[in-house]
N, C-alpha and C. Protein backbone atom coordinates (compact mmCIF):
# COMPACT_ATOMS: atom_id res chain seq x y z
N UNK A 1 -3.60 -9.85 -20.76
CA UNK A 1 -3.21 -9.76 -19.38
C UNK A 1 -2.64 -11.11 -18.95
N UNK A 2 -1.50 -11.09 -18.32
CA UNK A 2 -0.90 -12.34 -17.89
C UNK A 2 -1.61 -12.86 -16.65
N UNK A 3 -1.54 -14.16 -16.45
CA UNK A 3 -2.21 -14.79 -15.32
C UNK A 3 -1.17 -15.54 -14.51
N UNK A 4 -1.27 -15.40 -13.20
CA UNK A 4 -0.38 -16.12 -12.31
C UNK A 4 -1.19 -17.13 -11.53
N UNK A 5 -0.79 -18.37 -11.56
CA UNK A 5 -1.43 -19.41 -10.76
C UNK A 5 -0.53 -19.70 -9.58
N UNK A 6 -1.10 -19.68 -8.42
CA UNK A 6 -0.33 -19.94 -7.21
C UNK A 6 -1.02 -21.05 -6.43
N UNK A 7 -0.26 -22.00 -5.97
CA UNK A 7 -0.80 -23.07 -5.14
C UNK A 7 -0.84 -22.57 -3.71
N UNK A 8 -2.03 -22.32 -3.22
CA UNK A 8 -2.21 -21.80 -1.88
C UNK A 8 -3.35 -22.53 -1.22
N UNK A 9 -3.20 -22.83 0.05
CA UNK A 9 -4.28 -23.51 0.76
C UNK A 9 -5.42 -22.54 1.01
N UNK A 10 -6.62 -23.08 1.19
CA UNK A 10 -7.80 -22.25 1.39
C UNK A 10 -7.67 -21.41 2.65
N UNK A 11 -7.05 -21.94 3.68
CA UNK A 11 -6.94 -21.20 4.94
C UNK A 11 -6.02 -19.99 4.80
N UNK A 12 -5.07 -20.01 3.86
CA UNK A 12 -4.16 -18.88 3.68
C UNK A 12 -4.85 -17.72 2.96
N UNK A 13 -5.85 -17.99 2.16
CA UNK A 13 -6.53 -16.95 1.41
C UNK A 13 -7.67 -16.34 2.22
N UNK A 14 -8.44 -17.13 2.90
CA UNK A 14 -9.55 -16.63 3.69
C UNK A 14 -10.88 -16.93 3.04
N UNK A 15 -11.93 -16.43 3.64
CA UNK A 15 -13.29 -16.66 3.18
C UNK A 15 -13.63 -15.63 2.11
N UNK A 16 -13.86 -16.11 0.88
CA UNK A 16 -14.15 -15.20 -0.23
C UNK A 16 -15.46 -14.43 -0.05
N UNK A 17 -16.33 -14.87 0.84
CA UNK A 17 -17.59 -14.16 1.04
C UNK A 17 -17.47 -13.09 2.13
N UNK A 18 -16.30 -12.96 2.73
CA UNK A 18 -16.08 -11.98 3.79
C UNK A 18 -16.01 -10.57 3.18
N UNK A 19 -16.94 -9.68 3.54
CA UNK A 19 -16.94 -8.33 2.97
C UNK A 19 -15.65 -7.55 3.25
N UNK A 20 -15.02 -7.79 4.40
CA UNK A 20 -13.78 -7.08 4.72
C UNK A 20 -12.67 -7.50 3.76
N UNK A 21 -12.58 -8.79 3.44
CA UNK A 21 -11.58 -9.28 2.50
C UNK A 21 -11.83 -8.70 1.11
N UNK A 22 -13.07 -8.72 0.67
CA UNK A 22 -13.42 -8.19 -0.65
C UNK A 22 -13.11 -6.69 -0.72
N UNK A 23 -13.45 -5.96 0.33
CA UNK A 23 -13.19 -4.53 0.38
C UNK A 23 -11.69 -4.24 0.33
N UNK A 24 -10.91 -4.99 1.09
CA UNK A 24 -9.47 -4.80 1.11
C UNK A 24 -8.86 -5.10 -0.26
N UNK A 25 -9.25 -6.21 -0.85
CA UNK A 25 -8.72 -6.56 -2.17
C UNK A 25 -9.11 -5.52 -3.22
N UNK A 26 -10.34 -5.02 -3.13
CA UNK A 26 -10.79 -3.99 -4.08
C UNK A 26 -9.98 -2.71 -3.93
N UNK A 27 -9.71 -2.32 -2.68
CA UNK A 27 -8.90 -1.12 -2.45
C UNK A 27 -7.49 -1.30 -2.99
N UNK A 28 -6.90 -2.48 -2.77
CA UNK A 28 -5.55 -2.75 -3.28
C UNK A 28 -5.55 -2.73 -4.80
N UNK A 29 -6.59 -3.30 -5.38
CA UNK A 29 -6.70 -3.34 -6.84
C UNK A 29 -6.76 -1.92 -7.40
N UNK A 30 -7.60 -1.07 -6.79
CA UNK A 30 -7.71 0.31 -7.24
C UNK A 30 -6.40 1.07 -7.07
N UNK A 31 -5.70 0.84 -5.94
CA UNK A 31 -4.44 1.54 -5.69
C UNK A 31 -3.34 1.10 -6.64
N UNK A 32 -3.42 -0.14 -7.12
CA UNK A 32 -2.38 -0.65 -8.01
C UNK A 32 -2.54 -0.16 -9.44
N UNK A 33 -3.73 0.34 -9.78
CA UNK A 33 -3.98 0.80 -11.14
C UNK A 33 -4.50 -0.30 -12.06
N UNK A 34 -4.60 -1.52 -11.55
CA UNK A 34 -5.14 -2.63 -12.35
C UNK A 34 -6.66 -2.55 -12.36
N UNK A 35 -7.29 -3.25 -13.30
CA UNK A 35 -8.75 -3.17 -13.39
C UNK A 35 -9.45 -4.47 -12.99
N UNK A 36 -8.70 -5.58 -12.93
CA UNK A 36 -9.36 -6.81 -12.48
C UNK A 36 -8.39 -7.74 -11.78
N UNK A 37 -8.98 -8.58 -10.92
CA UNK A 37 -8.24 -9.54 -10.12
C UNK A 37 -9.03 -10.83 -10.08
N UNK A 38 -8.37 -11.94 -10.29
CA UNK A 38 -9.04 -13.24 -10.22
C UNK A 38 -8.19 -14.16 -9.36
N UNK A 39 -8.82 -14.77 -8.34
CA UNK A 39 -8.14 -15.69 -7.44
C UNK A 39 -8.92 -16.99 -7.45
N UNK A 40 -8.21 -18.10 -7.58
CA UNK A 40 -8.87 -19.41 -7.48
C UNK A 40 -7.99 -20.34 -6.66
N UNK A 41 -8.63 -21.30 -6.00
CA UNK A 41 -7.90 -22.26 -5.18
C UNK A 41 -8.02 -23.65 -5.79
N UNK A 42 -7.18 -24.55 -5.31
CA UNK A 42 -7.21 -25.92 -5.82
C UNK A 42 -8.54 -26.60 -5.54
N UNK A 43 -9.21 -26.20 -4.46
CA UNK A 43 -10.49 -26.83 -4.12
C UNK A 43 -11.67 -26.24 -4.89
N UNK A 44 -11.40 -25.38 -5.86
CA UNK A 44 -12.46 -24.89 -6.75
C UNK A 44 -13.09 -23.57 -6.34
N UNK A 45 -12.67 -23.00 -5.21
CA UNK A 45 -13.23 -21.71 -4.81
C UNK A 45 -12.59 -20.62 -5.67
N UNK A 46 -13.37 -19.59 -5.99
CA UNK A 46 -12.86 -18.53 -6.85
C UNK A 46 -13.47 -17.19 -6.48
N UNK A 47 -12.72 -16.14 -6.77
CA UNK A 47 -13.18 -14.77 -6.57
C UNK A 47 -12.65 -13.96 -7.74
N UNK A 48 -13.54 -13.17 -8.36
CA UNK A 48 -13.12 -12.28 -9.45
C UNK A 48 -13.68 -10.90 -9.14
N UNK A 49 -12.79 -9.91 -9.16
CA UNK A 49 -13.17 -8.52 -8.92
C UNK A 49 -12.81 -7.74 -10.17
N UNK A 50 -13.78 -7.01 -10.73
CA UNK A 50 -13.56 -6.17 -11.90
C UNK A 50 -14.01 -4.77 -11.55
N UNK A 51 -13.09 -3.80 -11.69
CA UNK A 51 -13.43 -2.41 -11.39
C UNK A 51 -14.00 -1.73 -12.62
N UNK A 52 -15.09 -1.00 -12.44
CA UNK A 52 -15.68 -0.21 -13.50
C UNK A 52 -14.76 0.98 -13.74
N UNK A 53 -14.33 1.24 -14.98
CA UNK A 53 -13.33 2.29 -15.25
C UNK A 53 -13.67 3.67 -14.68
N UNK A 54 -14.93 4.07 -14.67
CA UNK A 54 -15.27 5.41 -14.20
C UNK A 54 -15.75 5.46 -12.77
N UNK A 55 -15.89 4.30 -12.13
CA UNK A 55 -16.47 4.26 -10.78
C UNK A 55 -15.41 4.48 -9.71
N UNK A 56 -15.83 5.05 -8.61
CA UNK A 56 -14.99 5.22 -7.44
C UNK A 56 -15.25 4.03 -6.52
N UNK A 57 -14.19 3.38 -5.99
CA UNK A 57 -14.41 2.23 -5.13
C UNK A 57 -15.03 2.58 -3.79
N UNK A 58 -15.07 3.86 -3.45
CA UNK A 58 -15.65 4.29 -2.18
C UNK A 58 -16.84 5.19 -2.47
N UNK A 59 -17.95 4.92 -1.84
CA UNK A 59 -19.14 5.73 -2.01
C UNK A 59 -19.17 6.78 -0.91
N UNK A 60 -18.79 8.01 -1.25
CA UNK A 60 -18.75 9.08 -0.27
C UNK A 60 -20.06 9.84 -0.34
N UNK A 61 -20.83 9.80 0.73
CA UNK A 61 -22.13 10.46 0.76
C UNK A 61 -22.04 11.89 1.29
N UNK A 62 -21.13 12.12 2.20
CA UNK A 62 -21.03 13.43 2.81
C UNK A 62 -19.57 13.70 3.15
N UNK A 63 -19.11 14.90 2.88
CA UNK A 63 -17.73 15.22 3.18
C UNK A 63 -17.53 15.31 4.69
N UNK A 64 -16.41 14.82 5.16
CA UNK A 64 -16.09 14.89 6.59
C UNK A 64 -15.79 16.34 6.96
N UNK A 65 -16.16 16.74 8.16
CA UNK A 65 -15.87 18.11 8.57
C UNK A 65 -14.35 18.32 8.67
N UNK A 66 -13.92 19.54 8.35
CA UNK A 66 -12.50 19.86 8.42
C UNK A 66 -12.13 20.15 9.87
N UNK A 67 -11.32 19.26 10.44
CA UNK A 67 -10.90 19.41 11.83
C UNK A 67 -9.38 19.54 11.82
N UNK A 68 -8.88 20.63 12.37
CA UNK A 68 -7.44 20.84 12.42
C UNK A 68 -6.97 20.55 13.83
N UNK A 69 -6.10 19.56 13.94
CA UNK A 69 -5.56 19.18 15.24
C UNK A 69 -4.11 19.63 15.31
N UNK A 70 -3.61 19.86 16.51
CA UNK A 70 -2.19 20.22 16.61
C UNK A 70 -1.33 19.07 16.10
N UNK A 71 -0.28 19.42 15.37
CA UNK A 71 0.59 18.40 14.77
C UNK A 71 1.86 18.25 15.60
N UNK A 72 2.27 17.01 15.81
CA UNK A 72 3.53 16.81 16.53
C UNK A 72 4.71 17.19 15.64
N UNK A 73 5.87 17.41 16.24
CA UNK A 73 7.06 17.80 15.50
C UNK A 73 7.45 16.75 14.46
N UNK A 74 7.52 15.49 14.86
CA UNK A 74 7.87 14.42 13.93
C UNK A 74 6.66 13.52 13.71
N UNK A 75 6.45 13.12 12.47
CA UNK A 75 5.33 12.23 12.14
C UNK A 75 5.88 10.92 11.62
N UNK A 76 5.29 9.83 12.08
CA UNK A 76 5.74 8.52 11.66
C UNK A 76 4.85 8.03 10.51
N UNK A 77 5.48 7.64 9.43
CA UNK A 77 4.77 7.04 8.30
C UNK A 77 4.81 5.54 8.54
N UNK A 78 3.62 4.92 8.67
CA UNK A 78 3.54 3.51 9.05
C UNK A 78 3.18 2.63 7.86
N UNK A 79 3.51 1.35 7.99
CA UNK A 79 3.22 0.37 6.94
C UNK A 79 1.71 0.18 6.80
N UNK A 80 1.19 0.24 5.57
CA UNK A 80 -0.25 0.07 5.37
C UNK A 80 -0.70 -1.38 5.54
N UNK A 81 0.25 -2.33 5.46
CA UNK A 81 -0.03 -3.74 5.69
C UNK A 81 1.29 -4.48 5.80
N UNK A 82 1.23 -5.77 6.12
CA UNK A 82 2.43 -6.57 6.28
C UNK A 82 2.98 -6.99 4.93
N UNK A 83 4.29 -7.06 4.82
CA UNK A 83 4.94 -7.49 3.59
C UNK A 83 6.42 -7.19 3.64
N UNK A 84 7.05 -7.15 2.50
CA UNK A 84 8.48 -6.86 2.40
C UNK A 84 8.62 -5.41 1.94
N UNK A 85 9.39 -4.62 2.69
CA UNK A 85 9.57 -3.21 2.34
C UNK A 85 10.58 -3.08 1.21
N UNK A 86 10.25 -2.25 0.24
CA UNK A 86 11.13 -1.93 -0.88
C UNK A 86 11.32 -0.41 -0.91
N UNK A 87 12.58 0.05 -0.89
CA UNK A 87 12.84 1.50 -0.89
C UNK A 87 12.90 2.08 -2.29
N UNK A 88 12.72 1.22 -3.30
CA UNK A 88 12.66 1.65 -4.70
C UNK A 88 11.84 0.62 -5.46
N UNK A 89 11.38 0.96 -6.63
CA UNK A 89 10.59 0.02 -7.43
C UNK A 89 11.51 -1.09 -7.92
N UNK A 90 11.08 -2.37 -7.80
CA UNK A 90 11.93 -3.48 -8.24
C UNK A 90 12.28 -3.43 -9.72
N UNK A 91 11.49 -2.74 -10.51
CA UNK A 91 11.77 -2.61 -11.94
C UNK A 91 12.87 -1.61 -12.24
N UNK A 92 13.30 -0.86 -11.23
CA UNK A 92 14.35 0.14 -11.40
C UNK A 92 15.41 -0.05 -10.31
N UNK A 93 16.15 -1.17 -10.34
CA UNK A 93 17.09 -1.47 -9.25
C UNK A 93 18.28 -0.51 -9.16
N UNK A 94 18.60 0.21 -10.23
CA UNK A 94 19.77 1.09 -10.22
C UNK A 94 19.44 2.52 -9.78
N UNK A 95 18.20 2.75 -9.36
CA UNK A 95 17.77 4.06 -8.91
C UNK A 95 18.03 4.17 -7.41
N UNK A 96 18.34 5.36 -6.94
CA UNK A 96 18.58 5.53 -5.51
C UNK A 96 17.26 5.40 -4.74
N UNK A 97 17.38 5.27 -3.43
CA UNK A 97 16.23 5.13 -2.55
C UNK A 97 15.25 6.29 -2.75
N UNK A 98 13.95 6.00 -2.71
CA UNK A 98 12.93 7.03 -2.91
C UNK A 98 12.88 8.03 -1.76
N UNK A 99 13.21 7.58 -0.54
CA UNK A 99 13.08 8.46 0.62
C UNK A 99 14.18 8.19 1.63
N UNK A 100 15.38 8.68 1.34
CA UNK A 100 16.48 8.58 2.29
C UNK A 100 16.43 9.74 3.27
N UNK A 101 17.23 9.67 4.33
CA UNK A 101 17.26 10.75 5.31
C UNK A 101 17.63 12.06 4.64
N UNK A 102 16.86 13.11 4.96
CA UNK A 102 17.08 14.42 4.38
C UNK A 102 16.31 14.67 3.09
N UNK A 103 15.65 13.66 2.57
CA UNK A 103 14.88 13.79 1.34
C UNK A 103 13.60 14.58 1.59
N UNK A 104 13.28 15.54 0.73
CA UNK A 104 12.02 16.27 0.82
C UNK A 104 10.95 15.52 0.05
N UNK A 105 9.80 15.34 0.67
CA UNK A 105 8.67 14.66 0.02
C UNK A 105 7.50 15.61 -0.08
N UNK A 106 6.87 15.61 -1.22
CA UNK A 106 5.66 16.40 -1.44
C UNK A 106 4.45 15.53 -1.12
N UNK A 107 3.28 16.13 -0.86
CA UNK A 107 2.09 15.31 -0.63
C UNK A 107 1.82 14.41 -1.84
N UNK A 108 1.57 13.14 -1.59
CA UNK A 108 1.30 12.19 -2.65
C UNK A 108 2.54 11.52 -3.22
N UNK A 109 3.73 11.90 -2.73
CA UNK A 109 4.97 11.29 -3.22
C UNK A 109 5.09 9.85 -2.70
N UNK A 110 5.64 8.98 -3.53
CA UNK A 110 5.86 7.59 -3.13
C UNK A 110 7.15 7.53 -2.33
N UNK A 111 7.05 7.03 -1.08
CA UNK A 111 8.21 6.94 -0.20
C UNK A 111 8.82 5.55 -0.20
N UNK A 112 8.15 4.59 -0.80
CA UNK A 112 8.61 3.21 -0.86
C UNK A 112 7.46 2.32 -1.27
N UNK A 113 7.67 1.02 -1.16
CA UNK A 113 6.63 0.05 -1.53
C UNK A 113 6.59 -1.06 -0.50
N UNK A 114 5.41 -1.66 -0.34
CA UNK A 114 5.28 -2.89 0.43
C UNK A 114 4.91 -3.97 -0.58
N UNK A 115 5.73 -5.02 -0.62
CA UNK A 115 5.53 -6.10 -1.57
C UNK A 115 4.87 -7.28 -0.87
N UNK A 116 3.76 -7.73 -1.45
CA UNK A 116 3.04 -8.89 -0.97
C UNK A 116 2.89 -9.82 -2.17
N UNK A 117 3.73 -10.83 -2.24
CA UNK A 117 3.70 -11.70 -3.42
C UNK A 117 3.97 -10.87 -4.66
N UNK A 118 3.09 -10.96 -5.67
CA UNK A 118 3.30 -10.20 -6.90
C UNK A 118 2.76 -8.76 -6.84
N UNK A 119 2.19 -8.37 -5.71
CA UNK A 119 1.55 -7.05 -5.60
C UNK A 119 2.49 -6.07 -4.90
N UNK A 120 2.61 -4.87 -5.46
CA UNK A 120 3.36 -3.78 -4.84
C UNK A 120 2.38 -2.69 -4.45
N UNK A 121 2.36 -2.34 -3.16
CA UNK A 121 1.52 -1.23 -2.71
C UNK A 121 2.43 -0.05 -2.38
N UNK A 122 2.14 1.12 -2.92
CA UNK A 122 2.98 2.27 -2.61
C UNK A 122 2.74 2.78 -1.19
N UNK A 123 3.79 3.26 -0.57
CA UNK A 123 3.70 3.95 0.72
C UNK A 123 3.75 5.42 0.35
N UNK A 124 2.65 6.13 0.64
CA UNK A 124 2.47 7.50 0.16
C UNK A 124 2.64 8.51 1.29
N UNK A 125 3.40 9.57 1.02
CA UNK A 125 3.51 10.69 1.96
C UNK A 125 2.22 11.49 1.89
N UNK A 126 1.62 11.76 3.01
CA UNK A 126 0.33 12.47 3.03
C UNK A 126 0.49 13.99 3.05
N UNK A 127 1.67 14.46 3.38
CA UNK A 127 1.89 15.91 3.44
C UNK A 127 3.35 16.21 3.12
N UNK A 128 3.63 17.48 2.86
CA UNK A 128 5.00 17.89 2.58
C UNK A 128 5.84 17.72 3.84
N UNK A 129 6.99 17.05 3.70
CA UNK A 129 7.83 16.78 4.86
C UNK A 129 9.23 16.43 4.41
N UNK A 130 10.15 16.43 5.38
CA UNK A 130 11.52 16.02 5.16
C UNK A 130 11.75 14.75 5.98
N UNK A 131 12.36 13.74 5.37
CA UNK A 131 12.60 12.48 6.06
C UNK A 131 13.68 12.70 7.11
N UNK A 132 13.33 12.47 8.38
CA UNK A 132 14.28 12.63 9.49
C UNK A 132 14.99 11.32 9.80
N UNK A 133 14.26 10.20 9.70
CA UNK A 133 14.86 8.90 10.01
C UNK A 133 14.16 7.81 9.21
N UNK A 134 14.94 6.85 8.74
CA UNK A 134 14.41 5.70 8.02
C UNK A 134 14.47 4.51 8.97
N UNK A 135 13.29 3.91 9.26
CA UNK A 135 13.22 2.78 10.20
C UNK A 135 13.29 1.44 9.48
N UNK A 136 12.67 1.32 8.32
CA UNK A 136 12.60 0.05 7.59
C UNK A 136 13.73 -0.02 6.57
N UNK A 137 14.37 -1.15 6.50
CA UNK A 137 15.43 -1.37 5.52
C UNK A 137 14.87 -2.11 4.31
N UNK A 138 15.46 -1.87 3.16
CA UNK A 138 15.03 -2.54 1.93
C UNK A 138 15.17 -4.05 2.10
N UNK A 139 14.11 -4.78 1.71
CA UNK A 139 14.11 -6.23 1.80
C UNK A 139 13.69 -6.77 3.15
N UNK A 140 13.42 -5.88 4.10
CA UNK A 140 13.04 -6.29 5.45
C UNK A 140 11.55 -6.60 5.54
N UNK A 141 11.20 -7.66 6.26
CA UNK A 141 9.80 -8.00 6.49
C UNK A 141 9.24 -7.04 7.52
N UNK A 142 8.13 -6.38 7.17
CA UNK A 142 7.50 -5.42 8.09
C UNK A 142 6.06 -5.85 8.34
N UNK A 143 5.55 -5.46 9.48
CA UNK A 143 4.17 -5.79 9.84
C UNK A 143 3.27 -4.59 9.67
N UNK A 144 1.96 -4.84 9.73
CA UNK A 144 0.98 -3.76 9.63
C UNK A 144 1.24 -2.75 10.76
N UNK A 145 1.35 -1.48 10.40
CA UNK A 145 1.53 -0.42 11.39
C UNK A 145 2.96 -0.20 11.84
N UNK A 146 3.91 -1.00 11.35
CA UNK A 146 5.31 -0.80 11.72
C UNK A 146 5.79 0.55 11.17
N UNK A 147 6.62 1.27 11.93
CA UNK A 147 7.13 2.55 11.42
C UNK A 147 8.08 2.33 10.25
N UNK A 148 7.90 3.13 9.20
CA UNK A 148 8.78 3.06 8.04
C UNK A 148 9.70 4.28 8.03
N UNK A 149 9.13 5.46 8.20
CA UNK A 149 9.89 6.70 8.21
C UNK A 149 9.39 7.62 9.31
N UNK A 150 10.28 8.45 9.83
CA UNK A 150 9.87 9.58 10.67
C UNK A 150 10.12 10.82 9.84
N UNK A 151 9.10 11.65 9.74
CA UNK A 151 9.18 12.84 8.89
C UNK A 151 8.97 14.09 9.74
N UNK A 152 9.68 15.14 9.39
CA UNK A 152 9.50 16.45 10.02
C UNK A 152 8.86 17.36 8.98
N UNK A 153 8.00 18.21 9.43
CA UNK A 153 7.28 19.10 8.51
C UNK A 153 8.25 20.02 7.78
N UNK A 154 8.02 20.17 6.49
CA UNK A 154 8.85 21.05 5.67
C UNK A 154 8.59 22.50 6.07
N UNK A 155 9.63 23.28 6.11
CA UNK A 155 9.50 24.70 6.51
C UNK A 155 9.29 25.57 5.30
């Protein structure tokens, strides 16, 4: 496994003992398909997260009740976190956009990526829909919760 060393100040990384930070990093690690993450700072602080291959990162004790709410005509797919929006995987630059206007998306389809340093997080369509409008442009800096796509339910 390759290792990347980055010079970053302690204030930019945060408190390694913060459960919210550890939870967020663990979720990103699981979503990326990687099994371990190691971060260290110049001042000697370090954090290493290793995922157990068969374990689920979330402990679900009870299933949530099925509640069906009325759905609006258009649904906005929002950025899961701040970063640079990519409309295709950087490893495949000659491929067309994953979700252009008029594109049909199935549940679980990748509509784009948010790039944070060396990490790519997929933006996932949660339901079958057709892309009505693209709000984020490739290479554009987006913030947490910014609209990426407006989708209309597939008929």
